[in-house]
Amino acid sequence: MRRPTLNLLGGAVILTASLLAGNAHAASCCGGGGSATLTLPKFSASMVGLSVDTETYHGFWDQQGKRRDDPPGSTLVQYRINAGYARRLTDHWQASVNLPYVLNDNRYSGVSSHTQGLGDTTVGIWREFFDNIMCVTSVETLEDLLPALYVGGALTIPTGISPYDDVTNSFDVTGRGFYRLDLNLLVEKTVYPWTVTLSGGYGVHFERPVNREYGVYVTPYTKKLGDRYNVAFGGGYTWFLGNGDMVTATGTLSDVREFAGTIDGRNDPTSGLSSRRWSLALGWNTPDRAWVAGASFSRSFRTDGWGANFPMTDIVSLRISHVLD
């Protein structure tokens, strides 16, 4: 019952592609973040966050980028509950950890599958290249135009259930089964009420030995997924409420691509992927930025050539975060 595309990637990869979609506030001002990371606001010491994602599958792109529909009567849904914690290490360094719990509810070609388990854990770190809050209400000097700049890294740890564990099909998986190290960049500028954000990252997967696929033992070999990059551009507008609260609407375009991987050092022609998405988000925060909450909707562009070897999905996310001190 293996699907003709890599549907197991739907949760693990799209989360990074839509990372900015869940961040409806400027991080240097309010903090927050998407389901794969938390970003502390400047001068805050720690933060906890919780988000819930519902990802619904609507066909896929084949290897050549042609849109394909699922069989009639198919229903593929993945739910994710993401718990995160961020801690300031120094004035300019912060670290975070995110642990997802994944629930799969699928019906494909008349066969139902319901599984759940931990997803892949993400541990991240950011270096802030600014000393003060970079959000301003007006531009009076050149310094007011300077953006908030973050450079960081993230390590994905394969704590989820992967195709190389004791599973029977791709609908049972909750992770990819590979360590990955990412170098990330986040640039944002807010001149209230407007915000512009650019984010990107480049990730390298670590090679691993494989002796089992979907519960069946195979001749041992080594496998490495291809390097991956992602980029997202977003713009937002903030409304100030009478009590000091703020509401921010954000729109984002994102692109993720993964190059072909290798098996025993040789190119794997069935690997590699790409996907482009758009996202809309609405967020709210209290005047002291202690509480941030929001919702977002993200959708794949369902057009030939806008993806390859990847599912087309809709993602609805709800999130809340709280600054502890």
Protein backbone atom coordinates (compact mmCIF):
# COMPACT_ATOMS: atom_id res chain seq x y z
CA MET A 1 0.00 0.00 0.00
CA ARG A 2 2.86 2.37 -0.74
CA ARG A 3 1.67 5.51 -2.40
CA PRO A 4 3.38 6.45 -5.69
CA THR A 5 4.76 9.60 -4.09
CA LEU A 6 6.69 10.36 -0.93
CA ASN A 7 3.62 11.24 1.12
CA LEU A 8 5.57 10.58 4.30
CA LEU A 9 7.34 13.88 3.67
CA GLY A 10 4.16 15.91 3.99
CA GLY A 11 4.61 16.70 7.66
CA ALA A 12 8.38 16.71 7.92
CA VAL A 13 9.20 18.98 4.99
CA ILE A 14 6.24 21.29 4.63
CA LEU A 15 6.68 22.44 8.24
CA THR A 16 9.91 24.14 7.29
CA ALA A 17 8.54 25.47 4.03
CA SER A 18 5.71 27.14 5.91
CA LEU A 19 7.79 28.16 8.90
CA LEU A 20 7.16 31.84 8.32
CA ALA A 21 3.44 31.33 7.81
CA GLY A 22 2.85 30.80 11.50
CA ASN A 23 4.90 33.81 12.54
CA ALA A 24 2.41 36.63 12.22
CA HIS A 25 4.43 39.00 14.40
CA ALA A 26 7.92 40.41 14.07
CA ALA A 27 10.17 38.22 16.18
CA SER A 28 12.31 41.07 17.51
CA CYS A 29 9.16 42.74 18.86
CA CYS A 30 6.80 39.99 19.91
CA GLY A 31 8.49 36.66 19.32
CA GLY A 32 6.47 33.60 18.48
CA GLY A 33 7.25 31.38 15.51
CA GLY A 34 5.82 28.50 13.56
CA SER A 35 5.34 24.89 14.49
CA ALA A 36 8.98 23.95 13.92
CA THR A 37 10.61 26.65 16.05
CA LEU A 38 10.13 29.38 18.65
CA THR A 39 11.75 32.81 18.46
CA LEU A 40 12.16 34.87 21.61
CA PRO A 41 11.39 38.58 21.55
CA LYS A 42 14.34 40.80 22.35
CA PHE A 43 15.11 41.10 26.11
CA SER A 44 12.86 38.14 27.03
CA ALA A 45 14.46 35.26 28.93
CA SER A 46 12.27 32.26 28.04
CA MET A 47 9.11 31.25 26.24
CA VAL A 48 6.84 28.23 25.88
CA GLY A 49 4.65 27.54 22.89
CA LEU A 50 1.98 25.14 21.73
CA SER A 51 0.56 24.73 18.23
CA VAL A 52 -1.83 22.36 16.50
CA ASP A 53 -1.67 21.62 12.76
CA THR A 54 -4.19 19.84 10.55
CA GLU A 55 -2.74 18.88 7.18
CA THR A 56 -5.10 17.54 4.50
CA TYR A 57 -3.76 15.91 1.34
CA HIS A 58 -5.22 16.67 -2.11
CA GLY A 59 -3.27 14.67 -4.68
CA PHE A 60 0.40 15.01 -5.54
CA TRP A 61 2.96 16.02 -8.13
CA ASP A 62 4.74 13.14 -9.83
CA GLN A 63 8.48 13.03 -10.55
CA GLN A 64 8.03 15.18 -13.67
CA GLY A 65 5.92 17.82 -11.86
CA LYS A 66 2.60 16.65 -13.28
CA ARG A 67 -0.38 17.01 -10.96
CA ARG A 68 -2.00 13.70 -10.05
CA ASP A 69 -5.19 13.01 -8.12
CA ASP A 70 -5.60 10.44 -5.36
CA PRO A 71 -7.94 7.48 -6.02
CA PRO A 72 -11.64 8.30 -5.55
CA GLY A 73 -12.77 8.03 -1.95
CA SER A 74 -9.30 8.68 -0.50
CA THR A 75 -9.00 10.78 2.66
CA LEU A 76 -5.52 11.58 3.95
CA VAL A 77 -5.13 13.75 7.05
CA GLN A 78 -2.24 14.30 9.47
CA TYR A 79 -2.66 16.08 12.81
CA ARG A 80 0.34 17.47 14.71
CA ILE A 81 0.57 18.81 18.26
CA ASN A 82 3.81 20.77 18.68
CA ALA A 83 5.27 21.70 22.06
CA GLY A 84 8.18 24.13 22.12
CA TYR A 85 10.48 25.90 24.56
CA ALA A 86 12.95 28.75 23.90
CA ARG A 87 15.62 30.08 26.28
CA ARG A 88 17.91 33.06 26.05
CA LEU A 89 21.54 32.06 26.52
CA THR A 90 23.17 35.50 26.33
CA ASP A 91 22.16 38.97 25.17
CA HIS A 92 22.46 37.88 21.53
CA TRP A 93 22.05 34.10 21.60
CA GLN A 94 18.91 32.02 22.10
CA ALA A 95 18.11 28.32 21.76
CA SER A 96 14.89 26.36 21.31
CA VAL A 97 13.52 22.83 21.10
CA ASN A 98 10.33 21.59 19.46
CA LEU A 99 8.75 18.16 19.93
CA PRO A 100 5.76 17.19 17.76
CA TYR A 101 3.22 14.43 18.34
CA VAL A 102 1.72 13.14 15.09
CA LEU A 103 -1.61 11.45 14.42
CA ASN A 104 -2.31 9.94 10.97
CA ASP A 105 -5.89 9.29 9.84
CA ASN A 106 -5.89 7.90 6.30
CA ARG A 107 -8.05 6.03 3.85
CA TYR A 108 -6.43 5.18 0.51
CA SER A 109 -7.66 2.79 -2.19
CA GLY A 110 -10.26 1.43 0.22
CA VAL A 111 -7.76 0.65 3.01
CA SER A 112 -7.86 2.57 6.31
CA SER A 113 -4.89 3.34 8.55
CA HIS A 114 -4.83 5.12 11.92
CA THR A 115 -1.46 5.58 13.65
CA GLN A 116 0.17 8.00 16.05
CA GLY A 117 3.52 8.66 17.66
CA LEU A 118 6.30 11.19 18.21
CA GLY A 119 7.51 13.17 15.23
CA ASP A 120 11.06 14.33 14.55
CA THR A 121 12.51 16.68 17.18
CA THR A 122 14.07 20.03 16.19
CA VAL A 123 16.75 21.76 18.28
CA GLY A 124 17.65 25.26 17.12
CA ILE A 125 19.87 28.20 17.95
CA TRP A 126 19.79 31.85 16.81
CA ARG A 127 22.38 34.63 16.89
CA GLU A 128 20.81 38.11 16.91
CA PHE A 129 22.80 40.78 15.07
CA PHE A 130 21.08 43.76 16.70
CA ASP A 131 21.17 45.34 20.14
CA ASN A 132 17.71 46.89 20.46
CA ILE A 133 14.17 46.26 19.27
CA MET A 134 14.21 47.07 15.57
CA CYS A 135 10.47 47.79 15.18
CA VAL A 136 9.84 51.52 14.72
CA THR A 137 6.77 53.70 14.19
CA SER A 138 8.44 56.16 11.80
CA VAL A 139 11.66 56.60 9.85
CA GLU A 140 13.64 59.63 11.00
CA THR A 141 17.25 58.41 10.54
CA LEU A 142 19.04 55.82 8.43
CA GLU A 143 19.35 53.65 11.52
CA ASP A 144 15.55 53.38 11.62
CA LEU A 145 15.74 51.45 8.33
CA LEU A 146 18.05 48.75 9.65
CA PRO A 147 16.36 45.33 9.90
CA ALA A 148 16.52 42.70 12.59
CA LEU A 149 18.95 40.01 11.43
CA TYR A 150 19.10 36.47 12.79
CA VAL A 151 21.55 33.75 11.73
CA GLY A 152 21.22 30.31 13.24
CA GLY A 153 21.25 26.59 12.92
CA ALA A 154 18.90 23.72 13.57
CA LEU A 155 19.37 20.00 14.08
CA THR A 156 16.54 17.63 13.20
CA ILE A 157 16.68 14.46 15.31
CA PRO A 158 14.81 11.40 13.93
CA THR A 159 12.68 10.62 16.98
CA GLY A 160 9.66 9.85 14.79
CA ILE A 161 8.58 6.59 13.19
CA SER A 162 10.22 6.27 9.76
CA PRO A 163 9.93 3.87 6.79
CA TYR A 164 13.00 2.09 8.18
CA ASP A 165 11.24 1.07 11.39
CA ASP A 166 8.71 -1.71 11.97
CA VAL A 167 5.86 -0.23 9.90
CA THR A 168 3.80 -1.76 7.12
CA ASN A 169 3.23 1.23 4.82
CA SER A 170 4.00 4.91 4.28
CA PHE A 171 0.80 5.99 6.07
CA ASP A 172 2.22 4.81 9.42
CA VAL A 173 5.26 7.08 9.47
CA THR A 174 5.60 10.19 11.64
CA GLY A 175 9.17 11.19 10.67
CA ARG A 176 11.80 10.84 7.97
CA GLY A 177 14.41 8.75 9.76
CA PHE A 178 17.42 11.02 9.07
CA TYR A 179 19.45 13.56 10.99
CA ARG A 180 19.61 16.93 9.23
CA LEU A 181 21.65 20.05 9.98
CA ASP A 182 20.34 23.41 8.72
CA LEU A 183 21.88 26.86 8.44
CA ASN A 184 19.07 29.43 8.70
CA LEU A 185 18.65 33.14 8.06
CA LEU A 186 15.86 35.49 9.13
CA VAL A 187 15.67 39.17 8.15
CA GLU A 188 12.74 41.35 9.13
CA LYS A 189 11.83 45.00 9.28
CA THR A 190 8.81 46.62 10.87
CA VAL A 191 7.85 50.23 10.35
CA TYR A 192 4.42 50.16 11.93
CA PRO A 193 1.95 49.29 10.67
CA TRP A 194 3.93 47.41 7.96
CA THR A 195 6.27 44.42 8.30
CA VAL A 196 8.42 42.69 5.67
CA THR A 197 10.16 39.37 6.35
CA LEU A 198 12.61 37.20 4.40
CA SER A 199 13.74 33.80 5.64
CA GLY A 200 15.77 30.98 4.18
CA GLY A 201 17.76 27.91 5.02
CA TYR A 202 20.05 25.24 3.62
CA GLY A 203 20.04 21.74 5.12
CA VAL A 204 22.33 18.73 4.81
CA HIS A 205 21.13 15.21 5.66
CA PHE A 206 23.47 12.70 7.26
CA GLU A 207 23.96 9.31 5.66
CA ARG A 208 22.58 6.29 7.51
CA PRO A 209 22.61 2.49 7.17
CA VAL A 210 19.37 0.77 6.14
CA ASN A 211 18.47 -2.90 6.52
CA ARG A 212 14.67 -2.66 6.69
CA GLU A 213 11.98 -0.98 4.61
CA TYR A 214 8.37 -0.90 5.76
CA GLY A 215 8.91 -3.81 8.13
CA VAL A 216 10.68 -6.04 5.58
CA TYR A 217 14.38 -6.79 6.06
CA VAL A 218 16.47 -6.06 2.98
CA THR A 219 20.10 -6.37 1.93
CA PRO A 220 21.92 -3.67 3.97
CA TYR A 221 22.82 -0.46 2.16
CA THR A 222 23.59 3.17 3.00
CA LYS A 223 21.22 5.99 2.11
CA LYS A 224 21.48 9.76 2.13
CA LEU A 225 18.73 12.23 1.34
CA GLY A 226 19.68 15.20 -0.82
CA ASP A 227 20.59 18.64 0.42
CA ARG A 228 17.61 20.95 0.81
CA TYR A 229 16.98 24.67 0.69
CA ASN A 230 13.93 26.75 1.49
CA VAL A 231 13.07 30.41 1.12
CA ALA A 232 10.03 32.43 2.19
CA PHE A 233 8.97 36.05 1.73
CA GLY A 234 6.20 37.65 3.75
CA GLY A 235 4.49 40.95 4.34
CA GLY A 236 2.19 42.01 7.17
CA TYR A 237 -0.01 44.80 8.48
CA THR A 238 -0.73 45.56 12.16
CA TRP A 239 -3.82 47.11 13.72
CA PHE A 240 -3.55 48.71 17.17
CA LEU A 241 -6.57 48.12 19.38
CA GLY A 242 -7.87 50.56 21.97
CA ASN A 243 -6.58 48.53 24.92
CA GLY A 244 -3.05 48.32 23.51
CA ASP A 245 -3.39 44.86 22.03
CA MET A 246 -2.20 44.34 18.44
CA VAL A 247 -3.63 42.25 15.61
CA THR A 248 -1.40 41.43 12.64
CA ALA A 249 -2.30 39.93 9.26
CA THR A 250 0.47 38.30 7.23
CA GLY A 251 0.78 36.83 3.74
CA THR A 252 3.67 34.56 2.75
CA LEU A 253 5.05 32.83 -0.34
CA SER A 254 7.44 29.93 0.22
CA ASP A 255 9.49 27.49 -1.81
CA VAL A 256 11.29 24.30 -0.72
CA ARG A 257 13.49 22.07 -2.87
CA GLU A 258 15.47 18.95 -2.09
CA PHE A 259 18.09 17.59 -4.45
CA ALA A 260 18.41 13.93 -5.37
CA GLY A 261 19.81 11.64 -2.70
CA THR A 262 22.14 8.66 -2.95
CA ILE A 263 22.06 4.92 -2.27
CA ASP A 264 25.49 3.38 -1.60
CA GLY A 265 26.99 6.57 -2.98
CA ARG A 266 25.12 6.38 -6.29
CA ASN A 267 22.43 8.81 -7.42
CA ASP A 268 18.88 7.79 -6.49
CA PRO A 269 16.68 8.81 -9.47
CA THR A 270 13.47 8.38 -7.45
CA SER A 271 14.46 10.99 -4.86
CA GLY A 272 14.41 14.78 -4.83
CA LEU A 273 11.35 17.00 -4.41
CA SER A 274 10.01 20.53 -4.65
CA SER A 275 6.95 22.42 -3.46
CA ARG A 276 5.66 26.00 -3.52
CA ARG A 277 2.99 27.35 -1.17
CA TRP A 278 1.11 30.46 -0.15
CA SER A 279 -0.01 31.22 3.40
CA LEU A 280 -2.24 33.66 5.26
CA ALA A 281 -1.96 34.24 9.01
CA LEU A 282 -3.70 36.32 11.65
CA GLY A 283 -2.07 36.95 15.01
CA TRP A 284 -2.78 38.77 18.27
CA ASN A 285 -0.60 39.84 21.17
CA THR A 286 -1.04 41.65 24.48
CA PRO A 287 0.51 45.11 25.06
CA ASP A 288 3.39 43.63 27.09
CA ARG A 289 3.98 40.90 24.44
CA ALA A 290 3.63 38.24 27.16
CA TRP A 291 0.98 36.38 25.17
CA VAL A 292 0.94 35.75 21.41
CA ALA A 293 -1.75 33.71 19.66
CA GLY A 294 -2.71 33.19 16.06
CA ALA A 295 -4.08 31.06 13.26
CA SER A 296 -2.85 30.41 9.73
CA PHE A 297 -3.89 28.70 6.52
CA SER A 298 -1.34 27.39 4.01
CA ARG A 299 -1.97 25.79 0.60
CA SER A 300 0.18 24.24 -2.11
CA PHE A 301 -0.08 25.80 -5.56
CA ARG A 302 -2.10 23.09 -7.32
CA THR A 303 -0.61 23.63 -10.74
CA ASP A 304 1.61 21.51 -12.98
CA GLY A 305 5.27 22.45 -12.57
CA TRP A 306 4.88 24.08 -9.13
CA GLY A 307 6.11 20.96 -7.34
CA ALA A 308 7.61 17.54 -7.99
CA ASN A 309 7.55 14.18 -6.19
CA PHE A 310 5.56 15.76 -3.39
CA PRO A 311 1.98 15.90 -2.04
CA MET A 312 -0.32 18.89 -2.44
CA THR A 313 -1.80 19.82 0.94
CA ASP A 314 -3.73 22.37 2.95
CA ILE A 315 -2.48 23.18 6.47
CA VAL A 316 -4.59 24.87 9.15
CA SER A 317 -2.61 25.89 12.24
CA LEU A 318 -3.52 27.31 15.65
CA ARG A 319 -0.80 28.45 18.03
CA ILE A 320 -0.19 30.20 21.33
CA SER A 321 3.02 31.22 23.10
CA HIS A 322 3.79 32.80 26.44
CA VAL A 323 6.85 34.64 27.71
CA LEU A 324 7.76 33.24 31.13
CA ASP A 325 10.23 35.89 32.29
